[in-house]
Amino acid sequence: MNDALNLYGINMYVVSVLDNGDQRTFVSEKLKILDRIVYATICGTSKQFSLSEVLDIVPVDAAPPRTPVIRNITSQVQ
């Protein structure tokens, strides 16, 4: 099993899964999906979830890109 290249600088994921009818949310340091199985490293321990149990996966950006703030010039005119 090979890890995918991390081209976007993402180093964490928030993973929400169903656990006996309850929603559980974890922060994962490493994540991969292979053959409908989600492999997540949570607190240094590898966990496996069926893709059908996963509600949501949200990547957490390592360093958000800096975008200049564009202000409306007309709002500055008095």
N, C-alpha and C. Protein backbone atom coordinates (compact mmCIF):
# COMPACT_ATOMS: atom_id res chain seq x y z
N MET A 1 0.84 -1.16 0.00
CA MET A 1 0.00 0.00 0.00
C MET A 1 0.89 1.23 0.00
N ASN A 2 0.76 2.05 -1.02
CA ASN A 2 1.59 3.25 -1.14
C ASN A 2 0.81 4.46 -0.69
N ASP A 3 1.50 5.39 -0.06
CA ASP A 3 0.88 6.64 0.35
C ASP A 3 0.82 7.57 -0.85
N ALA A 4 -0.26 8.34 -0.92
CA ALA A 4 -0.40 9.32 -1.98
C ALA A 4 0.50 10.50 -1.68
N LEU A 5 0.96 11.16 -2.74
CA LEU A 5 1.78 12.35 -2.56
C LEU A 5 0.93 13.46 -1.97
N ASN A 6 1.47 14.16 -1.02
CA ASN A 6 0.78 15.25 -0.38
C ASN A 6 1.21 16.55 -1.05
N LEU A 7 0.56 16.89 -2.15
CA LEU A 7 0.96 18.05 -2.95
C LEU A 7 0.42 19.36 -2.40
N TYR A 8 -0.53 19.31 -1.49
CA TYR A 8 -1.20 20.52 -1.03
C TYR A 8 -0.77 20.95 0.37
N GLY A 9 0.15 20.26 1.00
CA GLY A 9 0.61 20.64 2.33
C GLY A 9 -0.36 20.32 3.43
N ILE A 10 -1.27 19.39 3.17
CA ILE A 10 -2.27 19.03 4.17
C ILE A 10 -1.63 18.04 5.14
N ASN A 11 -1.70 18.37 6.43
CA ASN A 11 -1.09 17.47 7.40
C ASN A 11 -2.07 16.99 8.46
N MET A 12 -3.34 17.36 8.33
CA MET A 12 -4.36 16.86 9.25
C MET A 12 -5.69 16.78 8.53
N TYR A 13 -6.52 15.86 9.02
CA TYR A 13 -7.87 15.69 8.49
C TYR A 13 -8.83 15.55 9.66
N VAL A 14 -10.00 16.12 9.54
CA VAL A 14 -11.07 15.88 10.50
C VAL A 14 -11.98 14.84 9.87
N VAL A 15 -12.17 13.72 10.57
CA VAL A 15 -12.93 12.59 10.04
C VAL A 15 -14.13 12.36 10.95
N SER A 16 -15.32 12.34 10.37
CA SER A 16 -16.54 12.02 11.11
C SER A 16 -17.04 10.67 10.65
N VAL A 17 -17.29 9.78 11.61
CA VAL A 17 -17.75 8.42 11.28
C VAL A 17 -18.96 8.07 12.15
N LEU A 18 -19.74 7.09 11.68
CA LEU A 18 -20.82 6.53 12.47
C LEU A 18 -20.28 5.39 13.30
N ASP A 19 -20.58 5.41 14.59
CA ASP A 19 -20.14 4.36 15.51
C ASP A 19 -21.36 3.92 16.32
N ASN A 20 -21.94 2.79 15.94
CA ASN A 20 -23.15 2.27 16.60
C ASN A 20 -24.27 3.31 16.64
N GLY A 21 -24.46 4.01 15.54
CA GLY A 21 -25.52 5.01 15.44
C GLY A 21 -25.15 6.39 15.94
N ASP A 22 -24.02 6.54 16.60
CA ASP A 22 -23.56 7.84 17.08
C ASP A 22 -22.47 8.38 16.17
N GLN A 23 -22.43 9.69 16.04
CA GLN A 23 -21.38 10.32 15.23
C GLN A 23 -20.16 10.58 16.10
N ARG A 24 -19.01 10.13 15.62
CA ARG A 24 -17.73 10.37 16.28
C ARG A 24 -16.86 11.19 15.34
N THR A 25 -16.12 12.12 15.88
CA THR A 25 -15.25 12.98 15.08
C THR A 25 -13.84 12.87 15.62
N PHE A 26 -12.89 12.66 14.70
CA PHE A 26 -11.49 12.48 15.04
C PHE A 26 -10.63 13.43 14.23
N VAL A 27 -9.45 13.72 14.75
CA VAL A 27 -8.43 14.42 13.99
C VAL A 27 -7.39 13.38 13.61
N SER A 28 -7.14 13.28 12.31
CA SER A 28 -6.21 12.27 11.80
C SER A 28 -4.97 12.94 11.24
N GLU A 29 -3.79 12.39 11.59
CA GLU A 29 -2.54 12.94 11.08
C GLU A 29 -2.21 12.40 9.69
N LYS A 30 -2.80 11.27 9.32
CA LYS A 30 -2.50 10.64 8.04
C LYS A 30 -3.75 9.90 7.60
N LEU A 31 -4.07 9.96 6.32
CA LEU A 31 -5.32 9.37 5.84
C LEU A 31 -5.11 8.80 4.45
N LYS A 32 -5.65 7.63 4.23
CA LYS A 32 -5.68 7.08 2.87
C LYS A 32 -6.91 6.21 2.72
N ILE A 33 -7.40 6.12 1.49
CA ILE A 33 -8.58 5.31 1.18
C ILE A 33 -8.15 4.30 0.13
N LEU A 34 -8.40 3.03 0.44
CA LEU A 34 -8.01 1.96 -0.46
C LEU A 34 -9.06 0.86 -0.38
N ASP A 35 -9.63 0.49 -1.51
CA ASP A 35 -10.62 -0.59 -1.59
C ASP A 35 -11.78 -0.39 -0.61
N ARG A 36 -12.33 0.84 -0.58
CA ARG A 36 -13.48 1.19 0.25
C ARG A 36 -13.22 1.07 1.75
N ILE A 37 -11.94 1.09 2.13
CA ILE A 37 -11.53 1.11 3.52
C ILE A 37 -10.76 2.41 3.74
N VAL A 38 -11.10 3.14 4.81
CA VAL A 38 -10.41 4.37 5.17
C VAL A 38 -9.41 4.03 6.27
N TYR A 39 -8.15 4.27 5.99
CA TYR A 39 -7.08 4.04 6.96
C TYR A 39 -6.68 5.41 7.51
N ALA A 40 -6.87 5.60 8.82
CA ALA A 40 -6.58 6.88 9.45
C ALA A 40 -5.65 6.67 10.63
N THR A 41 -4.66 7.54 10.75
CA THR A 41 -3.78 7.53 11.91
C THR A 41 -4.32 8.55 12.90
N ILE A 42 -4.79 8.04 14.05
CA ILE A 42 -5.40 8.90 15.07
C ILE A 42 -4.60 8.73 16.35
N CYS A 43 -4.01 9.81 16.83
CA CYS A 43 -3.16 9.79 18.04
C CYS A 43 -2.06 8.74 17.93
N GLY A 44 -1.47 8.62 16.75
CA GLY A 44 -0.37 7.69 16.54
C GLY A 44 -0.79 6.24 16.33
N THR A 45 -2.09 5.95 16.39
CA THR A 45 -2.58 4.58 16.22
C THR A 45 -3.37 4.48 14.92
N SER A 46 -3.12 3.43 14.16
CA SER A 46 -3.83 3.22 12.90
C SER A 46 -5.22 2.65 13.16
N LYS A 47 -6.24 3.28 12.57
CA LYS A 47 -7.63 2.84 12.67
C LYS A 47 -8.16 2.60 11.27
N GLN A 48 -9.10 1.67 11.16
CA GLN A 48 -9.72 1.37 9.87
C GLN A 48 -11.23 1.57 9.98
N PHE A 49 -11.80 2.19 8.96
CA PHE A 49 -13.24 2.40 8.90
C PHE A 49 -13.71 2.01 7.50
N SER A 50 -14.90 1.42 7.44
CA SER A 50 -15.51 1.17 6.15
C SER A 50 -15.95 2.51 5.57
N LEU A 51 -15.81 2.67 4.27
CA LEU A 51 -16.17 3.94 3.64
C LEU A 51 -17.65 4.26 3.86
N SER A 52 -18.49 3.24 4.01
CA SER A 52 -19.92 3.47 4.24
C SER A 52 -20.19 4.05 5.63
N GLU A 53 -19.25 3.94 6.58
CA GLU A 53 -19.40 4.50 7.92
C GLU A 53 -18.94 5.95 8.00
N VAL A 54 -18.21 6.41 7.00
CA VAL A 54 -17.63 7.75 7.02
C VAL A 54 -18.68 8.77 6.59
N LEU A 55 -18.92 9.76 7.44
CA LEU A 55 -19.87 10.82 7.12
C LEU A 55 -19.21 11.97 6.38
N ASP A 56 -17.99 12.32 6.82
CA ASP A 56 -17.32 13.48 6.23
C ASP A 56 -15.83 13.42 6.50
N ILE A 57 -15.05 13.90 5.54
CA ILE A 57 -13.61 14.06 5.70
C ILE A 57 -13.29 15.49 5.28
N VAL A 58 -12.69 16.25 6.20
CA VAL A 58 -12.35 17.64 5.91
C VAL A 58 -10.85 17.82 6.07
N PRO A 59 -10.15 18.18 5.00
CA PRO A 59 -8.71 18.44 5.14
C PRO A 59 -8.47 19.76 5.86
N VAL A 60 -7.45 19.76 6.70
CA VAL A 60 -7.05 20.97 7.42
C VAL A 60 -5.77 21.45 6.77
N ASP A 61 -5.81 22.63 6.21
CA ASP A 61 -4.67 23.17 5.48
C ASP A 61 -3.53 23.49 6.44
N ALA A 62 -2.32 23.09 6.07
CA ALA A 62 -1.15 23.31 6.92
C ALA A 62 -0.85 24.79 7.07
N ALA A 63 -0.85 25.50 6.00
CA ALA A 63 -0.59 26.94 6.02
C ALA A 63 -1.51 27.59 5.00
N PRO A 64 -2.58 28.23 5.46
CA PRO A 64 -3.50 28.83 4.52
C PRO A 64 -2.80 29.86 3.65
N PRO A 65 -3.12 29.88 2.38
CA PRO A 65 -2.46 30.85 1.50
C PRO A 65 -2.86 32.27 1.89
N ARG A 66 -1.90 33.15 1.80
CA ARG A 66 -2.19 34.55 2.12
C ARG A 66 -2.75 35.22 0.88
N THR A 67 -3.95 35.71 1.00
CA THR A 67 -4.57 36.43 -0.10
C THR A 67 -4.75 37.88 0.34
N PRO A 68 -4.46 38.79 -0.54
CA PRO A 68 -4.60 40.19 -0.16
C PRO A 68 -6.07 40.53 0.10
N VAL A 69 -6.27 41.39 1.07
CA VAL A 69 -7.62 41.83 1.39
C VAL A 69 -8.00 42.92 0.41
N ILE A 70 -9.11 42.70 -0.28
CA ILE A 70 -9.59 43.70 -1.25
C ILE A 70 -10.73 44.45 -0.59
N ARG A 71 -10.59 45.72 -0.47
CA ARG A 71 -11.62 46.53 0.16
C ARG A 71 -12.37 47.33 -0.90
N ASN A 72 -13.59 47.57 -0.59
CA ASN A 72 -14.41 48.37 -1.48
C ASN A 72 -14.03 49.83 -1.30
N ILE A 73 -13.52 50.43 -2.34
CA ILE A 73 -13.04 51.81 -2.25
C ILE A 73 -14.20 52.77 -1.98
N THR A 74 -15.37 52.48 -2.50
CA THR A 74 -16.50 53.39 -2.29
C THR A 74 -16.92 53.44 -0.83
N SER A 75 -16.65 52.37 -0.07
CA SER A 75 -17.02 52.38 1.34
C SER A 75 -16.08 53.26 2.16
N GLN A 76 -14.92 53.62 1.60
CA GLN A 76 -13.98 54.46 2.31
C GLN A 76 -14.19 55.94 2.04
N VAL A 77 -15.02 56.24 1.04
CA VAL A 77 -15.30 57.64 0.70
C VAL A 77 -16.37 58.17 1.64
N GLN A 78 -16.10 59.34 2.23
CA GLN A 78 -17.09 59.93 3.16
C GLN A 78 -17.75 61.13 2.57
